[in-house]
Structures are given as C-alpha cells and as structure tokens.
C-alpha cells in the first residue's frame, strides 16, 4: 500500500479500498465503510473531494488555473484536479511537461 504523500498524487479511480480509506481519513477526517463496493467507495471519496466521479465528464479547470501540473522531484505530469491544485510543490506545465 502506498503512503499518504503518494496517494495525493494518484487519481481516486486508481486507489484500492485500503488506499481510499487512508486517503479519506487523512485528507478529510472521514471514515468510509470498506464493506461497500470499490466503486461506491470511490464515489464517496470523490464527493468528499468535490470531484463527483460518477459517470460525469471532468470539469475544465477554471480560467487562470493550469490544466496540468508537474512534480519537480520525479518529473511526472498530472491532470490538474481541485485536490492537486492545492499542493504547493507541483508546478504548472503543459501536457508534455514543459513548465509554463
């Protein structure tokens, strides 16, 4: 299982039940019921994050905010989400990873 810092960098859709439980507890102070389905847990955590993943298109980043963020430590590029936009260690970039 990944630690909390790693979880903040991956999409909720890729987390397993244990990771979703840890992320919800650490980030939002919320308990989730791991007896529920993985899809249900992902929906619950995405609602906590204000993302609403349930078969909806991801909203475009508001004007003035980057669409992509780059981790300067490992060079990975991420689609900007409300959660990732709060992180001060990620840098705005374009889809190819070029800093803007």
N, C-alpha and C. Protein backbone atom coordinates (compact mmCIF):
# COMPACT_ATOMS: atom_id res chain seq x y z
N UNK A 1 0.85 -1.19 0.00
CA UNK A 1 0.00 0.00 0.00
C UNK A 1 0.89 1.25 0.00
N UNK A 2 0.46 2.24 -0.73
CA UNK A 2 1.21 3.49 -0.83
C UNK A 2 0.97 4.35 0.42
N UNK A 3 1.92 5.22 0.72
CA UNK A 3 1.72 6.12 1.86
C UNK A 3 0.88 7.32 1.42
N UNK A 4 0.50 8.16 2.38
CA UNK A 4 -0.42 9.26 2.10
C UNK A 4 0.13 10.24 1.08
N UNK A 5 1.42 10.56 1.13
CA UNK A 5 2.00 11.51 0.18
C UNK A 5 1.89 10.99 -1.25
N UNK A 6 2.08 9.69 -1.44
CA UNK A 6 1.94 9.10 -2.77
C UNK A 6 0.48 9.11 -3.21
N UNK A 7 -0.44 8.87 -2.28
CA UNK A 7 -1.86 8.84 -2.62
C UNK A 7 -2.36 10.17 -3.15
N UNK A 8 -1.80 11.27 -2.64
CA UNK A 8 -2.24 12.59 -3.09
C UNK A 8 -1.88 12.84 -4.54
N UNK A 9 -1.01 12.02 -5.10
CA UNK A 9 -0.57 12.20 -6.48
C UNK A 9 -1.29 11.30 -7.48
N UNK A 10 -2.06 10.33 -7.00
CA UNK A 10 -2.72 9.43 -7.94
C UNK A 10 -4.22 9.69 -7.96
N UNK A 11 -4.86 9.43 -9.09
CA UNK A 11 -6.31 9.65 -9.18
C UNK A 11 -7.08 8.70 -8.27
N UNK A 12 -8.20 9.15 -7.78
CA UNK A 12 -9.06 8.32 -6.91
C UNK A 12 -9.46 7.04 -7.64
N UNK A 13 -9.64 7.12 -8.96
CA UNK A 13 -10.06 5.96 -9.75
C UNK A 13 -9.04 4.83 -9.71
N UNK A 14 -7.79 5.11 -9.32
CA UNK A 14 -6.75 4.09 -9.30
C UNK A 14 -6.47 3.56 -7.89
N UNK A 15 -7.13 4.09 -6.87
CA UNK A 15 -6.90 3.65 -5.49
C UNK A 15 -7.70 2.39 -5.19
N UNK A 16 -7.12 1.51 -4.34
CA UNK A 16 -7.87 0.35 -3.87
C UNK A 16 -8.60 0.72 -2.58
N UNK A 17 -9.30 -0.24 -1.98
CA UNK A 17 -10.12 0.06 -0.80
C UNK A 17 -9.30 0.58 0.38
N UNK A 18 -8.16 -0.06 0.64
CA UNK A 18 -7.32 0.38 1.76
C UNK A 18 -6.80 1.80 1.53
N UNK A 19 -6.40 2.09 0.29
CA UNK A 19 -5.89 3.42 -0.02
C UNK A 19 -6.98 4.47 0.07
N UNK A 20 -8.19 4.13 -0.38
CA UNK A 20 -9.31 5.06 -0.27
C UNK A 20 -9.63 5.36 1.18
N UNK A 21 -9.58 4.33 2.02
CA UNK A 21 -9.86 4.51 3.45
C UNK A 21 -8.82 5.45 4.08
N UNK A 22 -7.54 5.20 3.80
CA UNK A 22 -6.47 6.03 4.35
C UNK A 22 -6.58 7.47 3.84
N UNK A 23 -6.83 7.64 2.55
CA UNK A 23 -6.92 8.96 1.95
C UNK A 23 -8.08 9.74 2.56
N UNK A 24 -9.25 9.13 2.69
CA UNK A 24 -10.43 9.81 3.26
C UNK A 24 -10.17 10.21 4.71
N UNK A 25 -9.52 9.34 5.46
CA UNK A 25 -9.24 9.61 6.87
C UNK A 25 -8.21 10.73 7.02
N UNK A 26 -7.11 10.65 6.27
CA UNK A 26 -6.03 11.63 6.41
C UNK A 26 -6.41 12.99 5.82
N UNK A 27 -7.05 12.99 4.65
CA UNK A 27 -7.32 14.25 3.95
C UNK A 27 -8.57 14.96 4.48
N UNK A 28 -9.62 14.18 4.82
CA UNK A 28 -10.91 14.78 5.16
C UNK A 28 -11.40 14.42 6.56
N UNK A 29 -10.67 13.55 7.27
CA UNK A 29 -11.10 13.14 8.60
C UNK A 29 -12.38 12.33 8.58
N UNK A 30 -12.65 11.67 7.44
CA UNK A 30 -13.89 10.91 7.27
C UNK A 30 -13.61 9.41 7.29
N UNK A 31 -14.53 8.68 7.88
CA UNK A 31 -14.46 7.22 7.85
C UNK A 31 -15.32 6.71 6.71
N UNK A 32 -14.79 5.73 5.97
CA UNK A 32 -15.57 5.09 4.91
C UNK A 32 -15.73 3.62 5.25
N UNK A 33 -16.81 3.04 4.81
CA UNK A 33 -17.13 1.64 5.10
C UNK A 33 -16.55 0.76 4.01
N UNK A 34 -15.47 0.05 4.32
CA UNK A 34 -14.80 -0.79 3.33
C UNK A 34 -15.61 -2.01 2.93
N UNK A 35 -16.73 -2.25 3.60
CA UNK A 35 -17.59 -3.38 3.21
C UNK A 35 -18.35 -3.07 1.94
N UNK A 36 -18.42 -1.80 1.58
CA UNK A 36 -19.12 -1.39 0.36
C UNK A 36 -18.23 -1.68 -0.85
N UNK A 37 -18.83 -1.62 -2.03
CA UNK A 37 -18.09 -1.91 -3.25
C UNK A 37 -17.01 -0.86 -3.50
N UNK A 38 -16.01 -1.24 -4.28
CA UNK A 38 -14.93 -0.33 -4.61
C UNK A 38 -15.47 0.90 -5.32
N UNK A 39 -16.40 0.71 -6.25
CA UNK A 39 -16.99 1.84 -6.97
C UNK A 39 -17.73 2.79 -6.02
N UNK A 40 -18.44 2.22 -5.05
CA UNK A 40 -19.16 3.04 -4.06
C UNK A 40 -18.17 3.85 -3.22
N UNK A 41 -17.06 3.22 -2.81
CA UNK A 41 -16.05 3.93 -2.02
C UNK A 41 -15.43 5.06 -2.84
N UNK A 42 -15.16 4.79 -4.12
CA UNK A 42 -14.58 5.83 -4.97
C UNK A 42 -15.55 7.01 -5.10
N UNK A 43 -16.83 6.71 -5.26
CA UNK A 43 -17.84 7.78 -5.33
C UNK A 43 -17.87 8.59 -4.03
N UNK A 44 -17.83 7.88 -2.91
CA UNK A 44 -17.85 8.56 -1.60
C UNK A 44 -16.66 9.50 -1.44
N UNK A 45 -15.47 9.02 -1.75
CA UNK A 45 -14.26 9.82 -1.58
C UNK A 45 -14.24 10.96 -2.59
N UNK A 46 -14.71 10.71 -3.82
CA UNK A 46 -14.72 11.79 -4.81
C UNK A 46 -15.69 12.88 -4.41
N UNK A 47 -16.79 12.51 -3.75
CA UNK A 47 -17.73 13.54 -3.25
C UNK A 47 -17.08 14.35 -2.14
N UNK A 48 -16.30 13.70 -1.28
CA UNK A 48 -15.56 14.43 -0.25
C UNK A 48 -14.60 15.42 -0.88
N UNK A 49 -13.99 14.99 -1.98
CA UNK A 49 -13.01 15.84 -2.67
C UNK A 49 -13.68 16.87 -3.58
N UNK A 50 -15.00 16.77 -3.73
CA UNK A 50 -15.71 17.70 -4.59
C UNK A 50 -15.54 17.41 -6.07
N UNK A 51 -15.21 16.14 -6.40
CA UNK A 51 -14.95 15.79 -7.79
C UNK A 51 -16.14 15.14 -8.47
N UNK A 52 -16.96 14.39 -7.74
CA UNK A 52 -18.12 13.71 -8.31
C UNK A 52 -17.77 12.89 -9.54
N UNK A 53 -17.15 11.73 -9.35
CA UNK A 53 -16.67 10.91 -10.46
C UNK A 53 -17.76 10.13 -11.18
N UNK A 54 -18.91 9.97 -10.63
CA UNK A 54 -19.93 9.07 -11.16
C UNK A 54 -20.34 9.39 -12.59
N UNK A 55 -19.66 8.77 -13.55
CA UNK A 55 -20.02 8.87 -14.97
C UNK A 55 -20.22 10.30 -15.46
N UNK A 56 -19.49 11.22 -14.93
CA UNK A 56 -19.60 12.61 -15.36
C UNK A 56 -18.27 13.03 -15.97
N UNK A 57 -18.32 13.88 -16.96
CA UNK A 57 -17.10 14.40 -17.54
C UNK A 57 -16.40 15.28 -16.51
N UNK A 58 -15.10 15.23 -16.52
CA UNK A 58 -14.33 16.04 -15.57
C UNK A 58 -14.46 17.51 -15.98
N UNK A 59 -14.79 18.38 -15.03
CA UNK A 59 -14.93 19.79 -15.38
C UNK A 59 -13.60 20.39 -15.79
N UNK A 60 -13.65 21.32 -16.70
CA UNK A 60 -12.44 22.01 -17.14
C UNK A 60 -11.93 22.89 -16.00
N UNK A 61 -10.63 23.08 -15.98
CA UNK A 61 -10.04 23.94 -14.96
C UNK A 61 -10.53 25.37 -15.17
N UNK A 62 -10.89 26.06 -14.10
CA UNK A 62 -11.32 27.45 -14.25
C UNK A 62 -10.23 28.29 -14.89
N UNK A 63 -10.63 29.33 -15.57
CA UNK A 63 -9.69 30.22 -16.23
C UNK A 63 -8.67 30.75 -15.22
N UNK A 64 -7.42 30.78 -15.63
CA UNK A 64 -6.37 31.26 -14.74
C UNK A 64 -5.69 30.14 -13.97
N UNK A 65 -6.23 28.93 -14.03
CA UNK A 65 -5.60 27.81 -13.35
C UNK A 65 -5.03 26.86 -14.40
N UNK A 66 -3.90 26.24 -14.09
CA UNK A 66 -3.30 25.33 -15.07
C UNK A 66 -4.13 24.06 -15.25
N UNK A 67 -4.04 23.48 -16.43
CA UNK A 67 -4.71 22.22 -16.70
C UNK A 67 -3.83 21.04 -16.33
N UNK A 68 -2.51 21.26 -16.28
CA UNK A 68 -1.55 20.20 -15.99
C UNK A 68 -0.58 20.66 -14.91
N UNK A 69 -0.12 19.71 -14.10
CA UNK A 69 0.85 20.00 -13.04
C UNK A 69 1.98 18.99 -13.11
N UNK A 70 3.18 19.46 -12.80
CA UNK A 70 4.36 18.59 -12.87
C UNK A 70 5.01 18.49 -11.49
N UNK A 71 5.36 17.27 -11.11
CA UNK A 71 6.11 17.05 -9.88
C UNK A 71 7.59 17.27 -10.21
N UNK A 72 8.22 18.30 -9.63
CA UNK A 72 9.61 18.59 -9.97
C UNK A 72 10.60 17.53 -9.49
N UNK A 73 10.19 16.73 -8.53
CA UNK A 73 11.08 15.71 -7.99
C UNK A 73 11.24 14.54 -8.94
N UNK A 74 10.11 14.03 -9.47
CA UNK A 74 10.19 12.85 -10.33
C UNK A 74 9.81 13.13 -11.78
N UNK A 75 9.35 14.35 -12.08
CA UNK A 75 9.03 14.71 -13.46
C UNK A 75 7.68 14.24 -13.97
N UNK A 76 6.89 13.59 -13.11
CA UNK A 76 5.58 13.10 -13.56
C UNK A 76 4.62 14.27 -13.77
N UNK A 77 3.76 14.13 -14.79
CA UNK A 77 2.79 15.16 -15.14
C UNK A 77 1.40 14.63 -14.81
N UNK A 78 0.58 15.49 -14.19
CA UNK A 78 -0.76 15.10 -13.75
C UNK A 78 -1.78 16.09 -14.29
N UNK A 79 -2.96 15.58 -14.65
CA UNK A 79 -4.08 16.45 -14.99
C UNK A 79 -4.48 17.17 -13.70
N UNK A 80 -4.63 18.48 -13.77
CA UNK A 80 -4.95 19.27 -12.58
C UNK A 80 -6.34 18.94 -12.06
N UNK A 81 -6.45 18.66 -10.78
CA UNK A 81 -7.72 18.44 -10.10
C UNK A 81 -7.79 19.43 -8.94
N UNK A 82 -8.96 19.67 -8.38
CA UNK A 82 -9.04 20.59 -7.24
C UNK A 82 -8.09 20.20 -6.11
N UNK A 83 -7.94 18.90 -5.87
CA UNK A 83 -7.05 18.44 -4.81
C UNK A 83 -5.59 18.74 -5.15
N UNK A 84 -5.18 18.43 -6.37
CA UNK A 84 -3.79 18.67 -6.75
C UNK A 84 -3.46 20.16 -6.84
N UNK A 85 -4.45 20.97 -7.21
CA UNK A 85 -4.21 22.42 -7.31
C UNK A 85 -3.88 23.03 -5.95
N UNK A 86 -4.27 22.35 -4.86
CA UNK A 86 -3.95 22.85 -3.52
C UNK A 86 -2.51 22.59 -3.12
N UNK A 87 -1.86 21.67 -3.83
CA UNK A 87 -0.47 21.33 -3.48
C UNK A 87 0.47 22.39 -3.99
N UNK A 88 1.32 22.88 -3.12
CA UNK A 88 2.25 23.95 -3.49
C UNK A 88 3.54 23.43 -4.10
N UNK A 89 3.79 22.11 -4.01
CA UNK A 89 5.03 21.56 -4.55
C UNK A 89 4.94 21.20 -6.03
N UNK A 90 3.73 21.20 -6.61
CA UNK A 90 3.56 20.88 -8.02
C UNK A 90 3.58 22.16 -8.85
N UNK A 91 4.20 22.07 -10.02
CA UNK A 91 4.39 23.24 -10.87
C UNK A 91 3.47 23.21 -12.08
N UNK A 92 2.93 24.35 -12.51
CA UNK A 92 2.08 24.38 -13.70
C UNK A 92 2.91 24.05 -14.94
N UNK A 93 2.32 23.26 -15.83
CA UNK A 93 3.01 22.89 -17.06
C UNK A 93 1.98 22.60 -18.14
N UNK A 94 2.47 22.30 -19.36
CA UNK A 94 1.55 21.87 -20.40
C UNK A 94 1.50 20.35 -20.39
N UNK A 95 0.73 19.74 -21.27
CA UNK A 95 0.53 18.30 -21.26
C UNK A 95 1.83 17.52 -21.46
N UNK A 96 2.79 18.11 -22.15
CA UNK A 96 4.06 17.44 -22.40
C UNK A 96 5.04 17.58 -21.23
N UNK A 97 4.70 18.43 -20.24
CA UNK A 97 5.56 18.59 -19.07
C UNK A 97 6.42 19.84 -19.12
N UNK A 98 6.31 20.62 -20.20
CA UNK A 98 7.08 21.87 -20.28
C UNK A 98 6.47 22.89 -19.33
N UNK A 99 7.29 23.46 -18.48
CA UNK A 99 6.79 24.42 -17.50
C UNK A 99 6.24 25.67 -18.19
N UNK A 100 5.16 26.21 -17.62
CA UNK A 100 4.57 27.43 -18.18
C UNK A 100 4.66 28.55 -17.18
